[in-house]
């Protein structure tokens, strides 16, 4: 069974706070039990829905969360390495901005000659 946004638990669509609670417990290497999920949800100031908690825990008992996370597409994370690879100096981004502005001006001039 795959972990996904279209997962329906016993006819209930789980709300994200329950899924996040399970992911948090998994990350902290804690057992995903009804009591643990309820405690995490309670800590946010929300009264947990016992039926949703029970359904989530039952559904996740058949899921290898680590494998599901590895199989999940990660589009946002690919931007982080690019940002980390950027030079630390402040001068390089300023030069890059000037080049972008020049290219943009040239492109606009070219367009204006077509339509102007």
Protein backbone atom coordinates (compact mmCIF):
# COMPACT_ATOMS: atom_id res chain seq x y z
CA UNK A 1 0.00 0.00 0.00
CA UNK A 2 1.45 3.36 -1.01
CA UNK A 3 1.35 6.47 1.10
CA UNK A 4 -0.26 9.27 -0.88
CA UNK A 5 -2.54 12.28 -0.86
CA UNK A 6 -5.41 10.22 -2.24
CA UNK A 7 -5.31 7.73 0.63
CA UNK A 8 -8.76 7.16 2.10
CA UNK A 9 -9.00 5.55 5.49
CA UNK A 10 -12.18 3.63 6.10
CA UNK A 11 -14.18 6.14 4.07
CA UNK A 12 -12.48 9.11 5.77
CA UNK A 13 -10.07 11.45 4.07
CA UNK A 14 -7.31 12.05 6.65
CA UNK A 15 -6.53 15.65 7.37
CA UNK A 16 -2.95 16.73 7.10
CA UNK A 17 -2.36 17.18 10.81
CA UNK A 18 -2.81 13.43 11.32
CA UNK A 19 -0.47 12.57 8.46
CA UNK A 20 2.08 15.09 9.72
CA UNK A 21 1.82 13.63 13.21
CA UNK A 22 2.58 10.18 11.80
CA UNK A 23 5.50 11.52 9.77
CA UNK A 24 6.87 13.33 12.80
CA UNK A 25 6.66 10.18 14.90
CA UNK A 26 8.37 8.22 12.12
CA UNK A 27 11.15 10.81 11.85
CA UNK A 28 11.73 10.65 15.60
CA UNK A 29 11.78 6.84 15.43
CA UNK A 30 8.72 6.57 17.66
CA UNK A 31 6.00 3.95 17.19
CA UNK A 32 2.98 5.19 15.26
CA UNK A 33 0.30 4.23 17.75
CA UNK A 34 -3.10 5.73 18.43
CA UNK A 35 -1.89 7.24 21.70
CA UNK A 36 1.23 8.76 20.13
CA UNK A 37 -0.69 10.27 17.20
CA UNK A 38 -3.32 11.66 19.59
CA UNK A 39 -0.61 13.20 21.77
CA UNK A 40 1.05 14.91 18.81
CA UNK A 41 -2.27 16.27 17.54
CA UNK A 42 -3.22 17.42 21.06
CA UNK A 43 0.11 19.24 21.34
CA UNK A 44 -0.97 21.45 18.43
CA UNK A 45 -4.05 22.54 20.34
CA UNK A 46 -6.49 20.49 18.28
CA UNK A 47 -8.78 17.85 19.76
CA UNK A 48 -8.00 14.61 17.92
CA UNK A 49 -10.77 12.69 16.16
CA UNK A 50 -10.52 9.14 17.52
CA UNK A 51 -12.00 7.60 14.36
CA UNK A 52 -9.48 9.34 12.09
CA UNK A 53 -6.59 8.42 14.37
CA UNK A 54 -7.66 4.78 14.49
CA UNK A 55 -8.10 4.65 10.70
CA UNK A 56 -4.73 6.30 10.06
CA UNK A 57 -2.84 3.99 12.40
CA UNK A 58 -4.55 0.94 10.88
CA UNK A 59 -3.75 2.03 7.33
CA UNK A 60 -0.14 2.90 8.12
CA UNK A 61 0.44 -0.46 9.78
CA UNK A 62 0.59 -1.90 6.23
CA UNK A 63 2.89 0.84 4.85
CA UNK A 64 6.66 0.93 4.86
CA UNK A 65 6.90 4.68 5.42
CA UNK A 66 10.62 4.84 4.64
CA UNK A 67 10.10 3.23 1.23
CA UNK A 68 7.06 5.44 0.53
CA UNK A 69 9.10 8.54 1.30
CA UNK A 70 11.93 7.41 -0.97
CA UNK A 71 9.47 6.76 -3.80
CA UNK A 72 7.77 10.16 -3.42
CA UNK A 73 8.72 12.79 -5.99
CA UNK A 74 10.83 15.56 -4.52
CA UNK A 75 10.66 18.67 -6.69
CA UNK A 76 11.20 21.26 -3.97
CA UNK A 77 14.37 19.68 -2.61
CA UNK A 78 16.15 20.06 -5.96
CA UNK A 79 16.15 23.85 -5.55
CA UNK A 80 18.05 23.65 -2.25
CA UNK A 81 21.30 22.21 -3.69
CA UNK A 82 21.33 24.88 -6.40
CA UNK A 83 21.01 27.60 -3.77
CA UNK A 84 23.75 26.00 -1.69
CA UNK A 85 26.06 25.89 -4.73
CA UNK A 86 25.77 29.66 -5.24
CA UNK A 87 28.91 31.59 -4.30
CA UNK A 88 29.00 33.07 -0.83
CA UNK A 89 30.29 36.46 -2.02
CA UNK A 90 27.79 39.26 -2.57
CA UNK A 91 29.48 40.57 -5.75
CA UNK A 92 28.63 37.62 -8.00
CA UNK A 93 24.83 37.97 -7.71
CA UNK A 94 25.07 41.68 -8.54
CA UNK A 95 27.01 40.93 -11.73
CA UNK A 96 24.51 38.26 -12.65
CA UNK A 97 21.61 40.70 -12.16
CA UNK A 98 23.30 43.24 -14.48
CA UNK A 99 23.70 40.56 -17.16
CA UNK A 100 20.04 39.58 -16.79
CA UNK A 101 18.94 43.21 -17.06
CA UNK A 102 21.04 43.70 -20.20
CA UNK A 103 19.61 40.54 -21.80
CA UNK A 104 16.10 41.65 -20.91
CA UNK A 105 16.68 45.10 -22.46
CA UNK A 106 18.06 43.52 -25.63
CA UNK A 107 15.05 41.22 -25.85
CA UNK A 108 12.66 44.15 -25.44
CA UNK A 109 14.51 46.12 -28.14
CA UNK A 110 14.19 43.17 -30.47
CA UNK A 111 10.46 42.89 -29.79
CA UNK A 112 9.90 46.61 -30.28
CA UNK A 113 11.60 46.46 -33.68
CA UNK A 114 9.17 43.71 -34.70
CA UNK A 115 6.07 45.54 -33.54
CA UNK A 116 7.19 49.17 -33.48
